[in-house]
Amino acid sequence: MVLTGAGISAESGLATFRDAGGLWEGHKVEDVATPEAWQKNPERVLTFYNQRRKAARQAKPNRAHEVLSELQQHFDVTILTQNVDDLHERAGSKKIIHLHGSLFESRSTIDPLLIYKIKGEELNMGNCCERGSQLRPHIVWFGEMVPMMEVAARRASLADIFLVVGTSLMVYPAAGLIDYVPDKAVKYIVDPKKPEILHIPNLRFVTEKASLGLEIVKRHLLNENG
């Protein structure tokens, strides 16, 4: 099981708001990534995600994404990602759970079960679901429930090996997934800044960026598991 966050996509050139003084491509998070932002100015929110979608399409998977794909040749790999891009898919990973939704899908504002693929790069005002309601990005915004958390927690509880890559383990509820992992499972934390999670047993820290760190983890895993 692999929990990934914004740091793994940062090496592909995709911005993370925490690395920009609390800004996301020049925007305050509360202005573009909350239910309140949508209620206040939906057009601004749509424009912001249209820009992010375009950037994600132009980005390419980096070595970290590729290493996770390569590990499928030796292990049963499931990726639990907080990222809303499709770089894991494009790198070849097969089992992916998107905890926070996808840039490439929209959903109805009156029925969250009505989810659609976005055709082209833009989702605009006037794009409606089959029931006539405005479509919004299929993204879990700050302050919203994470529908896939229960599924992710069950998967984490079955892990023999658990990797954390590109996330500071500061954003909940996703950060709490490591608490579901069995004590006996080996847990690799790949992050240049070592997070303080000393209560977790069997931790191995790799204080490198995602691409180099995962190369190191891959060597360890293959050496230890034949």
C-alpha atoms as a PDB file:
ATOM      1  CA  MET A   1       0.000   0.000   0.000  1.00  0.00           C
ATOM      2  CA  VAL A   2       1.284   3.450  -0.930  1.00  0.00           C
ATOM      3  CA  LEU A   3      -0.090   6.761   0.342  1.00  0.00           C
ATOM      4  CA  THR A   4       0.957   9.603  -1.973  1.00  0.00           C
ATOM      5  CA  GLY A   5       0.555  13.360  -1.729  1.00  0.00           C
ATOM      6  CA  ALA A   6       1.385  16.563  -3.559  1.00  0.00           C
ATOM      7  CA  GLY A   7       5.139  16.117  -3.160  1.00  0.00           C
ATOM      8  CA  ILE A   8       5.252  13.267  -5.662  1.00  0.00           C
ATOM      9  CA  SER A   9       3.626  15.438  -8.357  1.00  0.00           C
ATOM     10  CA  ALA A  10       5.685  18.511  -7.483  1.00  0.00           C
ATOM     11  CA  GLU A  11       8.649  16.947  -9.304  1.00  0.00           C
ATOM     12  CA  SER A  12       6.474  16.950 -12.429  1.00  0.00           C
ATOM     13  CA  GLY A  13       6.019  20.706 -12.068  1.00  0.00           C
ATOM     14  CA  LEU A  14       2.587  20.763 -10.426  1.00  0.00           C
ATOM     15  CA  ALA A  15       2.299  23.429  -7.738  1.00  0.00           C
ATOM     16  CA  THR A  16       1.438  22.676  -4.109  1.00  0.00           C
ATOM     17  CA  PHE A  17      -0.102  25.453  -2.047  1.00  0.00           C
ATOM     18  CA  ARG A  18       1.946  24.683   1.074  1.00  0.00           C
ATOM     19  CA  ASP A  19       5.162  25.381  -0.803  1.00  0.00           C
ATOM     20  CA  ALA A  20       3.914  28.798  -1.920  1.00  0.00           C
ATOM     21  CA  GLY A  21       3.234  30.543   1.354  1.00  0.00           C
ATOM     22  CA  GLY A  22      -0.295  29.204   1.635  1.00  0.00           C
ATOM     23  CA  LEU A  23      -1.151  30.172  -1.930  1.00  0.00           C
ATOM     24  CA  TRP A  24      -2.206  27.876  -4.729  1.00  0.00           C
ATOM     25  CA  GLU A  25      -1.172  29.393  -8.053  1.00  0.00           C
ATOM     26  CA  GLY A  26      -1.739  32.845  -6.571  1.00  0.00           C
ATOM     27  CA  HIS A  27      -5.006  31.997  -4.798  1.00  0.00           C
ATOM     28  CA  LYS A  28      -5.836  31.577  -1.140  1.00  0.00           C
ATOM     29  CA  VAL A  29      -7.105  28.059  -0.530  1.00  0.00           C
ATOM     30  CA  GLU A  30     -10.282  29.331   1.100  1.00  0.00           C
ATOM     31  CA  ASP A  31     -11.081  31.278  -2.085  1.00  0.00           C
ATOM     32  CA  VAL A  32     -10.940  28.311  -4.467  1.00  0.00           C
ATOM     33  CA  ALA A  33     -11.066  25.013  -2.578  1.00  0.00           C
ATOM     34  CA  THR A  34     -13.922  25.172  -0.083  1.00  0.00           C
ATOM     35  CA  PRO A  35     -17.713  24.814  -0.316  1.00  0.00           C
ATOM     36  CA  GLU A  36     -17.943  28.454   0.793  1.00  0.00           C
ATOM     37  CA  ALA A  37     -15.767  29.538  -2.139  1.00  0.00           C
ATOM     38  CA  TRP A  38     -18.104  27.706  -4.509  1.00  0.00           C
ATOM     39  CA  GLN A  39     -21.158  29.380  -3.030  1.00  0.00           C
ATOM     40  CA  LYS A  40     -19.521  32.811  -3.148  1.00  0.00           C
ATOM     41  CA  ASN A  41     -17.926  32.733  -6.596  1.00  0.00           C
ATOM     42  CA  PRO A  42     -18.400  29.496  -8.575  1.00  0.00           C
ATOM     43  CA  GLU A  43     -16.980  31.009 -11.757  1.00  0.00           C
ATOM     44  CA  ARG A  44     -13.674  31.759 -10.029  1.00  0.00           C
ATOM     45  CA  VAL A  45     -13.534  28.198  -8.693  1.00  0.00           C
ATOM     46  CA  LEU A  46     -14.218  26.737 -12.143  1.00  0.00           C
ATOM     47  CA  THR A  47     -11.538  28.950 -13.711  1.00  0.00           C
ATOM     48  CA  PHE A  48      -9.008  27.873 -11.085  1.00  0.00           C
ATOM     49  CA  TYR A  49      -9.649  24.174 -11.692  1.00  0.00           C
ATOM     50  CA  ASN A  50      -9.636  24.664 -15.454  1.00  0.00           C
ATOM     51  CA  GLN A  51      -6.113  26.060 -15.051  1.00  0.00           C
ATOM     52  CA  ARG A  52      -5.067  23.165 -12.853  1.00  0.00           C
ATOM     53  CA  ARG A  53      -6.554  20.656 -15.289  1.00  0.00           C
ATOM     54  CA  LYS A  54      -4.600  22.189 -18.159  1.00  0.00           C
ATOM     55  CA  ALA A  55      -1.379  22.094 -16.126  1.00  0.00           C
ATOM     56  CA  ALA A  56      -1.986  18.458 -15.166  1.00  0.00           C
ATOM     57  CA  ARG A  57      -2.515  17.454 -18.796  1.00  0.00           C
ATOM     58  CA  GLN A  58       0.772  19.113 -19.748  1.00  0.00           C
ATOM     59  CA  ALA A  59       2.713  17.501 -16.896  1.00  0.00           C
ATOM     60  CA  LYS A  60       4.421  14.157 -17.309  1.00  0.00           C
ATOM     61  CA  PRO A  61       4.939  11.355 -14.796  1.00  0.00           C
ATOM     62  CA  ASN A  62       8.317  11.566 -13.095  1.00  0.00           C
ATOM     63  CA  ARG A  63      10.656   8.851 -11.881  1.00  0.00           C
ATOM     64  CA  ALA A  64       8.743   8.443  -8.611  1.00  0.00           C
ATOM     65  CA  HIS A  65       5.540   7.570 -10.477  1.00  0.00           C
ATOM     66  CA  GLU A  66       7.492   5.167 -12.670  1.00  0.00           C
ATOM     67  CA  VAL A  67       9.085   3.364  -9.725  1.00  0.00           C
ATOM     68  CA  LEU A  68       5.674   2.708  -8.178  1.00  0.00           C
ATOM     69  CA  SER A  69       4.513   1.290 -11.489  1.00  0.00           C
ATOM     70  CA  GLU A  70       7.604  -0.915 -11.723  1.00  0.00           C
ATOM     71  CA  LEU A  71       6.977  -2.321  -8.235  1.00  0.00           C
ATOM     72  CA  GLN A  72       3.839  -3.978  -9.642  1.00  0.00           C
ATOM     73  CA  GLN A  73       6.138  -6.531 -11.266  1.00  0.00           C
ATOM     74  CA  HIS A  74       7.104  -7.797  -7.810  1.00  0.00           C
ATOM     75  CA  PHE A  75       4.295  -6.826  -5.408  1.00  0.00           C
ATOM     76  CA  ASP A  76       0.535  -6.366  -5.249  1.00  0.00           C
ATOM     77  CA  VAL A  77       0.555  -2.546  -5.161  1.00  0.00           C
ATOM     78  CA  THR A  78      -2.401  -0.334  -4.302  1.00  0.00           C
ATOM     79  CA  ILE A  79      -1.964   3.438  -4.333  1.00  0.00           C
ATOM     80  CA  LEU A  80      -4.034   5.646  -2.058  1.00  0.00           C
ATOM     81  CA  THR A  81      -3.469   9.115  -3.457  1.00  0.00           C
ATOM     82  CA  GLN A  82      -4.469  12.527  -2.194  1.00  0.00           C
ATOM     83  CA  ASN A  83      -3.600  13.911  -5.632  1.00  0.00           C
ATOM     84  CA  VAL A  84      -6.270  14.798  -8.163  1.00  0.00           C
ATOM     85  CA  ASP A  85      -4.049  14.445 -11.247  1.00  0.00           C
ATOM     86  CA  ASP A  86      -3.706  11.290 -13.356  1.00  0.00           C
ATOM     87  CA  LEU A  87       0.076  10.896 -13.283  1.00  0.00           C
ATOM     88  CA  HIS A  88      -0.072   7.540 -11.477  1.00  0.00           C
ATOM     89  CA  GLU A  89      -2.358   6.190 -14.181  1.00  0.00           C
ATOM     90  CA  ARG A  90      -0.194   7.524 -16.983  1.00  0.00           C
ATOM     91  CA  ALA A  91       2.891   5.962 -15.407  1.00  0.00           C
ATOM     92  CA  GLY A  92       1.169   2.581 -15.575  1.00  0.00           C
ATOM     93  CA  SER A  93      -0.079   1.954 -12.032  1.00  0.00           C
ATOM     94  CA  LYS A  94      -3.281  -0.097 -12.071  1.00  0.00           C
ATOM     95  CA  LYS A  95      -4.796  -0.065  -8.569  1.00  0.00           C
ATOM     96  CA  ILE A  96      -5.396   3.535  -7.546  1.00  0.00           C
ATOM     97  CA  ILE A  97      -7.847   5.009  -5.062  1.00  0.00           C
ATOM     98  CA  HIS A  98      -8.286   8.777  -5.423  1.00  0.00           C
ATOM     99  CA  LEU A  99      -9.105  10.015  -1.936  1.00  0.00           C
ATOM    100  CA  HIS A 100      -9.746  13.602  -2.983  1.00  0.00           C
ATOM    101  CA  GLY A 101     -11.389  13.097  -6.372  1.00  0.00           C
ATOM    102  CA  SER A 102     -10.152  13.842  -9.878  1.00  0.00           C
ATOM    103  CA  LEU A 103      -9.507  16.943 -11.951  1.00  0.00           C
ATOM    104  CA  PHE A 104     -10.904  15.096 -14.941  1.00  0.00           C
ATOM    105  CA  GLU A 105     -14.360  14.466 -13.535  1.00  0.00           C
ATOM    106  CA  SER A 106     -17.312  16.668 -12.625  1.00  0.00           C
ATOM    107  CA  ARG A 107     -20.317  15.975 -10.470  1.00  0.00           C
ATOM    108  CA  SER A 108     -23.814  17.287  -9.979  1.00  0.00           C
ATOM    109  CA  THR A 109     -24.418  19.911  -7.311  1.00  0.00           C
ATOM    110  CA  ILE A 110     -27.739  18.309  -6.333  1.00  0.00           C
ATOM    111  CA  ASP A 111     -26.845  14.611  -6.621  1.00  0.00           C
ATOM    112  CA  PRO A 112     -23.246  13.659  -5.690  1.00  0.00           C
ATOM    113  CA  LEU A 113     -23.731  10.241  -7.287  1.00  0.00           C
ATOM    114  CA  LEU A 114     -23.974  11.807 -10.751  1.00  0.00           C
ATOM    115  CA  ILE A 115     -20.337  11.918 -11.877  1.00  0.00           C
ATOM    116  CA  TYR A 116     -19.144  12.633 -15.415  1.00  0.00           C
ATOM    117  CA  LYS A 117     -15.884  12.616 -17.332  1.00  0.00           C
ATOM    118  CA  ILE A 118     -14.920  16.128 -18.398  1.00  0.00           C
ATOM    119  CA  LYS A 119     -14.625  16.403 -22.153  1.00  0.00           C
ATOM    120  CA  GLY A 120     -11.826  18.756 -23.120  1.00  0.00           C
ATOM    121  CA  GLU A 121     -10.024  20.992 -20.639  1.00  0.00           C
ATOM    122  CA  GLU A 122     -12.810  23.220 -19.330  1.00  0.00           C
ATOM    123  CA  LEU A 123     -15.816  22.968 -17.051  1.00  0.00           C
ATOM    124  CA  ASN A 124     -17.834  26.176 -17.196  1.00  0.00           C
ATOM    125  CA  MET A 125     -20.946  27.849 -15.866  1.00  0.00           C
ATOM    126  CA  GLY A 126     -23.934  26.458 -17.721  1.00  0.00           C
ATOM    127  CA  ASN A 127     -22.540  22.914 -17.891  1.00  0.00           C
ATOM    128  CA  CYS A 128     -25.294  20.940 -16.182  1.00  0.00           C
ATOM    129  CA  CYS A 129     -26.034  17.395 -15.095  1.00  0.00           C
ATOM    130  CA  GLU A 130     -28.904  15.369 -16.525  1.00  0.00           C
ATOM    131  CA  ARG A 131     -31.164  16.838 -13.833  1.00  0.00           C
ATOM    132  CA  GLY A 132     -30.362  20.382 -14.893  1.00  0.00           C
ATOM    133  CA  SER A 133     -28.042  21.292 -12.016  1.00  0.00           C
ATOM    134  CA  GLN A 134     -24.724  23.100 -12.469  1.00  0.00           C
ATOM    135  CA  LEU A 135     -21.729  20.759 -12.498  1.00  0.00           C
ATOM    136  CA  ARG A 136     -18.851  21.305 -10.061  1.00  0.00           C
ATOM    137  CA  PRO A 137     -15.364  19.772  -9.973  1.00  0.00           C
ATOM    138  CA  HIS A 138     -15.383  16.239  -8.585  1.00  0.00           C
ATOM    139  CA  ILE A 139     -12.922  17.305  -5.910  1.00  0.00           C
ATOM    140  CA  VAL A 140     -13.108  16.864  -2.140  1.00  0.00           C
ATOM    141  CA  TRP A 141     -12.694  20.407  -0.875  1.00  0.00           C
ATOM    142  CA  PHE A 142     -11.429  21.465   2.546  1.00  0.00           C
ATOM    143  CA  GLY A 143     -14.254  21.022   5.019  1.00  0.00           C
ATOM    144  CA  GLU A 144     -15.954  18.214   3.068  1.00  0.00           C
ATOM    145  CA  MET A 145     -16.221  14.529   3.913  1.00  0.00           C
ATOM    146  CA  VAL A 146     -13.817  12.128   2.178  1.00  0.00           C
ATOM    147  CA  PRO A 147     -16.102   9.391   0.760  1.00  0.00           C
ATOM    148  CA  MET A 148     -13.282   6.925   0.011  1.00  0.00           C
ATOM    149  CA  MET A 149     -11.746   7.027   3.493  1.00  0.00           C
ATOM    150  CA  GLU A 150     -13.551   3.931   4.745  1.00  0.00           C
ATOM    151  CA  VAL A 151     -12.388   1.909   1.741  1.00  0.00           C
ATOM    152  CA  ALA A 152      -8.843   3.243   2.117  1.00  0.00           C
ATOM    153  CA  ALA A 153      -8.759   2.431   5.832  1.00  0.00           C
ATOM    154  CA  ARG A 154      -9.804  -1.177   5.136  1.00  0.00           C
ATOM    155  CA  ARG A 155      -7.075  -1.515   2.515  1.00  0.00           C
ATOM    156  CA  ALA A 156      -4.472   0.008   4.840  1.00  0.00           C
ATOM    157  CA  SER A 157      -5.391  -2.495   7.556  1.00  0.00           C
ATOM    158  CA  LEU A 158      -4.360  -5.326   5.205  1.00  0.00           C
ATOM    159  CA  ALA A 159      -0.949  -3.918   4.265  1.00  0.00           C
ATOM    160  CA  ASP A 160       2.237  -5.944   4.675  1.00  0.00           C
ATOM    161  CA  ILE A 161       4.340  -2.984   3.547  1.00  0.00           C
ATOM    162  CA  PHE A 162       3.169   0.634   3.695  1.00  0.00           C
ATOM    163  CA  LEU A 163       4.855   3.518   1.877  1.00  0.00           C
ATOM    164  CA  VAL A 164       4.190   7.208   2.497  1.00  0.00           C
ATOM    165  CA  VAL A 165       5.485   9.428  -0.304  1.00  0.00           C
ATOM    166  CA  GLY A 166       5.208  13.154  -0.887  1.00  0.00           C
ATOM    167  CA  THR A 167       2.904  13.954   2.007  1.00  0.00           C
ATOM    168  CA  SER A 168       3.700  15.541   5.349  1.00  0.00           C
ATOM    169  CA  LEU A 169       1.103  13.460   7.212  1.00  0.00           C
ATOM    170  CA  MET A 170      -0.444  16.727   8.374  1.00  0.00           C
ATOM    171  CA  VAL A 171      -3.688  16.685   6.347  1.00  0.00           C
ATOM    172  CA  TYR A 172      -6.452  14.672   7.949  1.00  0.00           C
ATOM    173  CA  PRO A 173      -8.239  12.374   7.577  1.00  0.00           C
ATOM    174  CA  ALA A 174      -5.777  10.909   5.014  1.00  0.00           C
ATOM    175  CA  ALA A 175      -2.845  11.305   7.415  1.00  0.00           C
ATOM    176  CA  GLY A 176      -4.618   9.002   9.843  1.00  0.00           C
ATOM    177  CA  LEU A 177      -4.480   6.049   7.431  1.00  0.00           C
ATOM    178  CA  ILE A 178      -1.095   5.020   8.792  1.00  0.00           C
ATOM    179  CA  ASP A 179      -2.761   4.311  12.128  1.00  0.00           C
ATOM    180  CA  TYR A 180      -4.783   1.523  10.468  1.00  0.00           C
ATOM    181  CA  VAL A 181      -1.680  -0.278   9.213  1.00  0.00           C
ATOM    182  CA  PRO A 182      -0.764  -3.387  11.239  1.00  0.00           C
ATOM    183  CA  ASP A 183       2.042  -2.879  13.748  1.00  0.00           C
ATOM    184  CA  LYS A 184       4.068  -5.696  12.177  1.00  0.00           C
ATOM    185  CA  ALA A 185       4.016  -4.080   8.710  1.00  0.00           C
ATOM    186  CA  VAL A 186       7.151  -2.225   7.632  1.00  0.00           C
ATOM    187  CA  LYS A 187       6.453   1.446   6.969  1.00  0.00           C
ATOM    188  CA  TYR A 188       8.660   3.604   4.752  1.00  0.00           C
ATOM    189  CA  ILE A 189       8.316   7.393   5.038  1.00  0.00           C
ATOM    190  CA  VAL A 190       9.829   9.171   2.021  1.00  0.00           C
ATOM    191  CA  ASP A 191      10.074  12.882   2.781  1.00  0.00           C
ATOM    192  CA  PRO A 192      12.961  15.382   2.884  1.00  0.00           C
ATOM    193  CA  LYS A 193      11.504  16.649   6.168  1.00  0.00           C
ATOM    194  CA  LYS A 194      11.197  13.862   8.697  1.00  0.00           C
ATOM    195  CA  PRO A 195       7.676  13.937  10.189  1.00  0.00           C
ATOM    196  CA  GLU A 196       7.273  13.357  13.910  1.00  0.00           C
ATOM    197  CA  ILE A 197       5.207  10.183  14.145  1.00  0.00           C
ATOM    198  CA  LEU A 198       7.211   8.330  16.757  1.00  0.00           C
ATOM    199  CA  HIS A 199       4.163   6.437  18.032  1.00  0.00           C
ATOM    200  CA  ILE A 200       4.128   4.271  14.899  1.00  0.00           C
ATOM    201  CA  PRO A 201       6.169   1.009  15.075  1.00  0.00           C
ATOM    202  CA  ASN A 202       8.459  -0.346  12.324  1.00  0.00           C
ATOM    203  CA  LEU A 203       9.194   3.009  10.702  1.00  0.00           C
ATOM    204  CA  ARG A 204      11.971   3.535   8.173  1.00  0.00           C
ATOM    205  CA  PHE A 205      12.680   7.109   7.135  1.00  0.00           C
ATOM    206  CA  VAL A 206      14.120   8.031   3.746  1.00  0.00           C
ATOM    207  CA  THR A 207      14.824  11.761   3.888  1.00  0.00           C
ATOM    208  CA  GLU A 208      14.906  12.400   0.144  1.00  0.00           C
ATOM    209  CA  LYS A 209      12.555  13.760  -2.492  1.00  0.00           C
ATOM    210  CA  ALA A 210      10.071  11.312  -3.937  1.00  0.00           C
ATOM    211  CA  SER A 211      11.996  10.189  -7.028  1.00  0.00           C
ATOM    212  CA  LEU A 212      15.324   9.465  -5.343  1.00  0.00           C
ATOM    213  CA  GLY A 213      13.654   8.217  -2.192  1.00  0.00           C
ATOM    214  CA  LEU A 214      11.573   5.661  -4.054  1.00  0.00           C
ATOM    215  CA  GLU A 215      14.616   4.395  -5.947  1.00  0.00           C
ATOM    216  CA  ILE A 216      16.171   3.698  -2.535  1.00  0.00           C
ATOM    217  CA  VAL A 217      13.018   2.040  -1.218  1.00  0.00           C
ATOM    218  CA  LYS A 218      12.725  -0.101  -4.341  1.00  0.00           C
ATOM    219  CA  ARG A 219      16.274  -1.438  -3.837  1.00  0.00           C
ATOM    220  CA  HIS A 220      15.535  -2.206  -0.178  1.00  0.00           C
ATOM    221  CA  LEU A 221      12.297  -3.996  -0.992  1.00  0.00           C
ATOM    222  CA  LEU A 222      13.809  -6.134  -3.749  1.00  0.00           C
ATOM    223  CA  ASN A 223      16.829  -7.033  -1.613  1.00  0.00           C
ATOM    224  CA  GLU A 224      14.691  -7.995   1.387  1.00  0.00           C
ATOM    225  CA  ASN A 225      11.974  -9.807  -0.533  1.00  0.00           C
ATOM    226  CA  GLY A 226      13.992 -11.591  -3.187  1.00  0.00           C
END
